[in-house]
Amino acid sequence: MIGPMVIAMVYCPGEKLKLLASLGFKDSKKVAPSTRRRLAKILPSIGCGVEKVAVEPHLIDCAVRGECYQNLNYLEAAMAAGLINQVAQSIPLETVYIDSPDPVPDRYAEAVKSFLKIPVRLVVENYADEKYVIVGAASIVAKVERDSIIEELKKTYGDFGSGYPSDPKTKRFAVEWLKKNPEPPPIARKEWDSWKKLLGK
């Protein structure tokens, strides 16, 4: 509802996966915020690389409208492929594991492939962040980065909570904002149903 979408990629030699698991890397939703921050910081020291991209709300809205990408999943696929292409310039990649936002993972895999510039084996599954420790690690990096961005935005806009539509504080912020302003703030995902309902659209 508010703030960017962050997509992250963590890449490691295969022999590092057991170490990641032993250190506590897993689905970010199952890790406390302080632990997420600590884990995200140690990745370079254990021989793992990190790339990430923050997708701004205006681009998310553009994709939801189908104007700049076919839909939001294609935008995510393009960003994921961009990270893969970037890493592949310096590191040979054998297999890339991806969490699919599409309920049909094969369809999302094809979307990612359409943006790739290099041949690489893709394992694309729903709930991959729960199944594969490397995807869990990427989810932790993405969550830490988004949380950091959200905290910076609060310095300008005040405390709007997590930015997720399920957060009562975020909802209250949206209601109060629209009492004083005709449009949502620039940091809002204006095409989200939550905003449209408040605007009576």
C-alpha atoms as a PDB file:
ATOM      1  CA  MET A   1       0.000   0.000   0.000  1.00  0.00           C
ATOM      2  CA  ILE A   2       2.920   2.301   0.806  1.00  0.00           C
ATOM      3  CA  GLY A   3       6.572   2.092  -0.189  1.00  0.00           C
ATOM      4  CA  PRO A   4       8.626   0.152  -2.713  1.00  0.00           C
ATOM      5  CA  MET A   5       8.766  -3.532  -3.473  1.00  0.00           C
ATOM      6  CA  VAL A   6      12.260  -4.898  -2.869  1.00  0.00           C
ATOM      7  CA  ILE A   7      13.587  -7.902  -4.777  1.00  0.00           C
ATOM      8  CA  ALA A   8      16.848  -9.477  -3.643  1.00  0.00           C
ATOM      9  CA  MET A   9      19.218 -12.147  -4.892  1.00  0.00           C
ATOM     10  CA  VAL A  10      21.700 -14.034  -2.718  1.00  0.00           C
ATOM     11  CA  TYR A  11      24.324 -16.153  -4.463  1.00  0.00           C
ATOM     12  CA  CYS A  12      26.708 -18.632  -2.864  1.00  0.00           C
ATOM     13  CA  PRO A  13      28.772 -21.696  -3.722  1.00  0.00           C
ATOM     14  CA  GLY A  14      26.642 -24.793  -3.204  1.00  0.00           C
ATOM     15  CA  GLU A  15      28.738 -25.960  -0.283  1.00  0.00           C
ATOM     16  CA  LYS A  16      27.667 -22.874   1.700  1.00  0.00           C
ATOM     17  CA  LEU A  17      23.992 -23.879   1.867  1.00  0.00           C
ATOM     18  CA  LYS A  18      24.359 -26.033   4.985  1.00  0.00           C
ATOM     19  CA  LEU A  19      26.149 -23.156   6.688  1.00  0.00           C
ATOM     20  CA  LEU A  20      23.300 -20.798   5.820  1.00  0.00           C
ATOM     21  CA  ALA A  21      20.803 -23.194   7.367  1.00  0.00           C
ATOM     22  CA  SER A  22      22.908 -23.651  10.503  1.00  0.00           C
ATOM     23  CA  LEU A  23      23.143 -19.877  10.955  1.00  0.00           C
ATOM     24  CA  GLY A  24      19.365 -19.559  10.920  1.00  0.00           C
ATOM     25  CA  PHE A  25      18.600 -18.346   7.410  1.00  0.00           C
ATOM     26  CA  LYS A  26      15.014 -19.171   6.440  1.00  0.00           C
ATOM     27  CA  ASP A  27      11.779 -17.521   5.324  1.00  0.00           C
ATOM     28  CA  SER A  28      11.983 -13.916   6.568  1.00  0.00           C
ATOM     29  CA  LYS A  29       8.452 -14.114   7.995  1.00  0.00           C
ATOM     30  CA  LYS A  30       9.754 -16.637  10.538  1.00  0.00           C
ATOM     31  CA  VAL A  31      12.698 -14.507  11.687  1.00  0.00           C
ATOM     32  CA  ALA A  32      12.590 -11.635  14.199  1.00  0.00           C
ATOM     33  CA  PRO A  33      13.523  -8.177  12.821  1.00  0.00           C
ATOM     34  CA  SER A  34      16.722  -7.903  14.887  1.00  0.00           C
ATOM     35  CA  THR A  35      17.818 -11.357  13.732  1.00  0.00           C
ATOM     36  CA  ARG A  36      17.031 -10.488  10.111  1.00  0.00           C
ATOM     37  CA  ARG A  37      19.284  -7.444  10.308  1.00  0.00           C
ATOM     38  CA  ARG A  38      22.108  -9.447  11.867  1.00  0.00           C
ATOM     39  CA  LEU A  39      21.859 -12.243   9.301  1.00  0.00           C
ATOM     40  CA  ALA A  40      21.724  -9.858   6.335  1.00  0.00           C
ATOM     41  CA  LYS A  41      24.963  -8.214   7.484  1.00  0.00           C
ATOM     42  CA  ILE A  42      26.988 -11.434   7.718  1.00  0.00           C
ATOM     43  CA  LEU A  43      26.357 -12.775   4.206  1.00  0.00           C
ATOM     44  CA  PRO A  44      29.483 -11.212   2.613  1.00  0.00           C
ATOM     45  CA  SER A  45      31.685 -12.501   5.440  1.00  0.00           C
ATOM     46  CA  ILE A  46      30.669 -16.108   4.757  1.00  0.00           C
ATOM     47  CA  GLY A  47      31.325 -15.916   1.030  1.00  0.00           C
ATOM     48  CA  CYS A  48      27.870 -15.043  -0.270  1.00  0.00           C
ATOM     49  CA  GLY A  49      27.040 -12.163  -2.580  1.00  0.00           C
ATOM     50  CA  VAL A  50      23.968  -9.953  -2.506  1.00  0.00           C
ATOM     51  CA  GLU A  51      22.160  -7.889  -5.129  1.00  0.00           C
ATOM     52  CA  LYS A  52      18.887  -6.059  -4.632  1.00  0.00           C
ATOM     53  CA  VAL A  53      16.575  -3.626  -6.338  1.00  0.00           C
ATOM     54  CA  ALA A  54      13.840  -1.392  -4.945  1.00  0.00           C
ATOM     55  CA  VAL A  55      10.885  -0.987  -7.303  1.00  0.00           C
ATOM     56  CA  GLU A  56       9.234   2.378  -6.735  1.00  0.00           C
ATOM     57  CA  PRO A  57       5.448   2.707  -6.294  1.00  0.00           C
ATOM     58  CA  HIS A  58       4.923   4.614  -9.554  1.00  0.00           C
ATOM     59  CA  LEU A  59       6.420   1.715 -11.519  1.00  0.00           C
ATOM     60  CA  ILE A  60       4.325  -0.790  -9.566  1.00  0.00           C
ATOM     61  CA  ASP A  61       1.206   1.235 -10.426  1.00  0.00           C
ATOM     62  CA  CYS A  62       2.243   1.380 -14.073  1.00  0.00           C
ATOM     63  CA  ALA A  63       2.536  -2.418 -14.159  1.00  0.00           C
ATOM     64  CA  VAL A  64      -0.775  -2.945 -12.352  1.00  0.00           C
ATOM     65  CA  ARG A  65      -2.430  -0.810 -15.050  1.00  0.00           C
ATOM     66  CA  GLY A  66      -0.702  -2.915 -17.703  1.00  0.00           C
ATOM     67  CA  GLU A  67       0.954   0.131 -19.245  1.00  0.00           C
ATOM     68  CA  CYS A  68       4.680  -0.568 -18.867  1.00  0.00           C
ATOM     69  CA  TYR A  69       4.535  -4.330 -18.282  1.00  0.00           C
ATOM     70  CA  GLN A  70       1.867  -6.925 -18.969  1.00  0.00           C
ATOM     71  CA  ASN A  71       1.081  -7.054 -15.247  1.00  0.00           C
ATOM     72  CA  LEU A  72       2.767  -6.878 -11.838  1.00  0.00           C
ATOM     73  CA  ASN A  73       4.183 -10.395 -12.135  1.00  0.00           C
ATOM     74  CA  TYR A  74       5.952  -9.439 -15.364  1.00  0.00           C
ATOM     75  CA  LEU A  75       7.469  -6.427 -13.632  1.00  0.00           C
ATOM     76  CA  GLU A  76       8.748  -8.711 -10.860  1.00  0.00           C
ATOM     77  CA  ALA A  77      10.049 -11.153 -13.469  1.00  0.00           C
ATOM     78  CA  ALA A  78      11.907  -8.367 -15.270  1.00  0.00           C
ATOM     79  CA  MET A  79      13.510  -7.167 -12.039  1.00  0.00           C
ATOM     80  CA  ALA A  80      14.467 -10.702 -10.985  1.00  0.00           C
ATOM     81  CA  ALA A  81      15.981 -11.378 -14.399  1.00  0.00           C
ATOM     82  CA  GLY A  82      17.857  -8.087 -14.196  1.00  0.00           C
ATOM     83  CA  LEU A  83      19.520  -9.212 -10.971  1.00  0.00           C
ATOM     84  CA  ILE A  84      20.408 -12.581 -12.510  1.00  0.00           C
ATOM     85  CA  ASN A  85      21.864 -10.918 -15.614  1.00  0.00           C
ATOM     86  CA  GLN A  86      23.881  -8.539 -13.450  1.00  0.00           C
ATOM     87  CA  VAL A  87      25.369 -11.290 -11.260  1.00  0.00           C
ATOM     88  CA  ALA A  88      26.059 -13.541 -14.253  1.00  0.00           C
ATOM     89  CA  GLN A  89      28.416 -10.916 -15.689  1.00  0.00           C
ATOM     90  CA  SER A  90      30.967 -11.763 -13.000  1.00  0.00           C
ATOM     91  CA  ILE A  91      29.882 -15.093 -11.467  1.00  0.00           C
ATOM     92  CA  PRO A  92      29.039 -18.324 -13.329  1.00  0.00           C
ATOM     93  CA  LEU A  93      25.553 -19.379 -12.243  1.00  0.00           C
ATOM     94  CA  GLU A  94      24.435 -23.005 -12.390  1.00  0.00           C
ATOM     95  CA  THR A  95      20.985 -22.936 -10.791  1.00  0.00           C
ATOM     96  CA  VAL A  96      18.804 -20.052  -9.658  1.00  0.00           C
ATOM     97  CA  TYR A  97      15.971 -20.662  -7.195  1.00  0.00           C
ATOM     98  CA  ILE A  98      13.047 -18.248  -7.369  1.00  0.00           C
ATOM     99  CA  ASP A  99       9.916 -17.755  -5.281  1.00  0.00           C
ATOM    100  CA  SER A 100       6.970 -17.431  -7.659  1.00  0.00           C
ATOM    101  CA  PRO A 101       4.323 -14.756  -7.004  1.00  0.00           C
ATOM    102  CA  ASP A 102       2.240 -16.453  -9.709  1.00  0.00           C
ATOM    103  CA  PRO A 103       0.094 -19.425  -8.597  1.00  0.00           C
ATOM    104  CA  VAL A 104       1.314 -21.097 -11.807  1.00  0.00           C
ATOM    105  CA  PRO A 105       5.111 -21.179 -11.313  1.00  0.00           C
ATOM    106  CA  ASP A 106       5.847 -22.385 -14.852  1.00  0.00           C
ATOM    107  CA  ARG A 107       4.187 -19.271 -16.236  1.00  0.00           C
ATOM    108  CA  TYR A 108       6.347 -17.066 -14.016  1.00  0.00           C
ATOM    109  CA  ALA A 109       9.446 -19.049 -15.008  1.00  0.00           C
ATOM    110  CA  GLU A 110       8.720 -18.329 -18.669  1.00  0.00           C
ATOM    111  CA  ALA A 111       8.307 -14.639 -17.875  1.00  0.00           C
ATOM    112  CA  VAL A 112      11.696 -14.558 -16.130  1.00  0.00           C
ATOM    113  CA  LYS A 113      13.325 -16.430 -19.031  1.00  0.00           C
ATOM    114  CA  SER A 114      11.974 -13.875 -21.489  1.00  0.00           C
ATOM    115  CA  PHE A 115      14.130 -11.208 -19.803  1.00  0.00           C
ATOM    116  CA  LEU A 116      17.283 -13.302 -19.312  1.00  0.00           C
ATOM    117  CA  LYS A 117      20.395 -12.695 -21.397  1.00  0.00           C
ATOM    118  CA  ILE A 118      22.186 -15.886 -20.309  1.00  0.00           C
ATOM    119  CA  PRO A 119      21.246 -19.575 -20.149  1.00  0.00           C
ATOM    120  CA  VAL A 120      20.729 -20.753 -16.581  1.00  0.00           C
ATOM    121  CA  ARG A 121      18.695 -23.471 -14.897  1.00  0.00           C
ATOM    122  CA  LEU A 122      15.713 -22.029 -13.035  1.00  0.00           C
ATOM    123  CA  VAL A 123      13.847 -23.683 -10.173  1.00  0.00           C
ATOM    124  CA  VAL A 124      10.693 -21.615  -9.742  1.00  0.00           C
ATOM    125  CA  GLU A 125       8.191 -22.622  -7.072  1.00  0.00           C
ATOM    126  CA  ASN A 126       5.529 -21.180  -4.808  1.00  0.00           C
ATOM    127  CA  TYR A 127       6.748 -20.790  -1.212  1.00  0.00           C
ATOM    128  CA  ALA A 128      10.347 -21.266  -2.349  1.00  0.00           C
ATOM    129  CA  ASP A 129      11.420 -19.067   0.570  1.00  0.00           C
ATOM    130  CA  GLU A 130      10.169 -21.830   2.878  1.00  0.00           C
ATOM    131  CA  LYS A 131      11.677 -24.683   0.849  1.00  0.00           C
ATOM    132  CA  TYR A 132      15.154 -23.434  -0.075  1.00  0.00           C
ATOM    133  CA  VAL A 133      17.529 -21.759   2.358  1.00  0.00           C
ATOM    134  CA  ILE A 134      19.078 -19.597  -0.377  1.00  0.00           C
ATOM    135  CA  VAL A 135      15.652 -18.127  -1.198  1.00  0.00           C
ATOM    136  CA  GLY A 136      14.981 -17.648   2.497  1.00  0.00           C
ATOM    137  CA  ALA A 137      18.240 -15.700   2.707  1.00  0.00           C
ATOM    138  CA  ALA A 138      17.152 -13.500  -0.205  1.00  0.00           C
ATOM    139  CA  SER A 139      13.796 -12.876   1.472  1.00  0.00           C
ATOM    140  CA  ILE A 140      15.634 -11.716   4.603  1.00  0.00           C
ATOM    141  CA  VAL A 141      17.794  -9.304   2.594  1.00  0.00           C
ATOM    142  CA  ALA A 142      14.725  -7.924   0.798  1.00  0.00           C
ATOM    143  CA  LYS A 143      12.800  -7.451   4.045  1.00  0.00           C
ATOM    144  CA  VAL A 144      15.698  -5.710   5.787  1.00  0.00           C
ATOM    145  CA  GLU A 145      16.175  -3.369   2.814  1.00  0.00           C
ATOM    146  CA  ARG A 146      12.476  -2.517   2.595  1.00  0.00           C
ATOM    147  CA  ASP A 147      12.277  -1.928   6.353  1.00  0.00           C
ATOM    148  CA  SER A 148      15.250   0.441   6.094  1.00  0.00           C
ATOM    149  CA  ILE A 149      13.602   2.382   3.263  1.00  0.00           C
ATOM    150  CA  ILE A 150      10.323   2.558   5.188  1.00  0.00           C
ATOM    151  CA  GLU A 151      12.086   4.004   8.232  1.00  0.00           C
ATOM    152  CA  GLU A 152      13.649   6.709   6.047  1.00  0.00           C
ATOM    153  CA  LEU A 153      10.265   7.565   4.514  1.00  0.00           C
ATOM    154  CA  LYS A 154       8.774   7.969   7.984  1.00  0.00           C
ATOM    155  CA  LYS A 155      11.186  10.836   8.625  1.00  0.00           C
ATOM    156  CA  THR A 156       9.315  12.762   5.932  1.00  0.00           C
ATOM    157  CA  TYR A 157       5.760  11.431   6.187  1.00  0.00           C
ATOM    158  CA  GLY A 158       5.432  10.429   9.837  1.00  0.00           C
ATOM    159  CA  ASP A 159       4.738   6.993  11.260  1.00  0.00           C
ATOM    160  CA  PHE A 160       2.525   5.100   8.811  1.00  0.00           C
ATOM    161  CA  GLY A 161       3.310   1.653  10.193  1.00  0.00           C
ATOM    162  CA  SER A 162       4.624  -1.115   7.983  1.00  0.00           C
ATOM    163  CA  GLY A 163       3.070   0.155   4.764  1.00  0.00           C
ATOM    164  CA  TYR A 164       1.121  -3.075   4.289  1.00  0.00           C
ATOM    165  CA  PRO A 165      -2.688  -2.876   3.852  1.00  0.00           C
ATOM    166  CA  SER A 166      -3.203  -5.368   6.696  1.00  0.00           C
ATOM    167  CA  ASP A 167      -1.589  -2.935   9.162  1.00  0.00           C
ATOM    168  CA  PRO A 168      -4.195  -0.843  11.068  1.00  0.00           C
ATOM    169  CA  LYS A 169      -1.655   1.971  11.508  1.00  0.00           C
ATOM    170  CA  THR A 170      -1.116   2.117   7.744  1.00  0.00           C
ATOM    171  CA  LYS A 171      -4.869   2.242   7.177  1.00  0.00           C
ATOM    172  CA  ARG A 172      -5.272   5.058   9.709  1.00  0.00           C
ATOM    173  CA  PHE A 173      -2.472   7.015   8.044  1.00  0.00           C
ATOM    174  CA  ALA A 174      -4.180   6.646   4.661  1.00  0.00           C
ATOM    175  CA  VAL A 175      -7.528   7.828   6.021  1.00  0.00           C
ATOM    176  CA  GLU A 176      -5.967  10.838   7.752  1.00  0.00           C
ATOM    177  CA  TRP A 177      -3.874  11.704   4.683  1.00  0.00           C
ATOM    178  CA  LEU A 178      -6.932  11.805   2.430  1.00  0.00           C
ATOM    179  CA  LYS A 179      -8.754  14.077   4.862  1.00  0.00           C
ATOM    180  CA  LYS A 180      -6.086  16.710   4.177  1.00  0.00           C
ATOM    181  CA  ASN A 181      -5.037  15.877   0.602  1.00  0.00           C
ATOM    182  CA  PRO A 182      -6.972  15.074  -2.591  1.00  0.00           C
ATOM    183  CA  GLU A 183      -4.568  12.319  -3.678  1.00  0.00           C
ATOM    184  CA  PRO A 184      -2.451   9.645  -1.961  1.00  0.00           C
ATOM    185  CA  PRO A 185       1.182  10.563  -1.200  1.00  0.00           C
ATOM    186  CA  PRO A 186       3.932   9.936  -3.785  1.00  0.00           C
ATOM    187  CA  ILE A 187       5.091   6.910  -1.772  1.00  0.00           C
ATOM    188  CA  ALA A 188       1.695   5.202  -2.183  1.00  0.00           C
ATOM    189  CA  ARG A 189       0.843   2.345  -4.508  1.00  0.00           C
ATOM    190  CA  LYS A 190      -2.173   4.203  -5.829  1.00  0.00           C
ATOM    191  CA  GLU A 191      -3.547   1.291  -7.865  1.00  0.00           C
ATOM    192  CA  TRP A 192      -3.945  -0.845  -4.728  1.00  0.00           C
ATOM    193  CA  ASP A 193      -7.578  -1.617  -3.885  1.00  0.00           C
ATOM    194  CA  SER A 194      -7.044  -0.207  -0.392  1.00  0.00           C
ATOM    195  CA  TRP A 195      -6.475   3.292  -1.795  1.00  0.00           C
ATOM    196  CA  LYS A 196      -9.206   2.967  -4.420  1.00  0.00           C
ATOM    197  CA  LYS A 197     -11.766   2.069  -1.768  1.00  0.00           C
ATOM    198  CA  LEU A 198     -10.796   5.070   0.325  1.00  0.00           C
ATOM    199  CA  LEU A 199     -11.026   7.288  -2.755  1.00  0.00           C
ATOM    200  CA  GLY A 200     -14.385   5.794  -3.718  1.00  0.00           C
ATOM    201  CA  LYS A 201     -13.104   4.504  -7.050  1.00  0.00           C
END
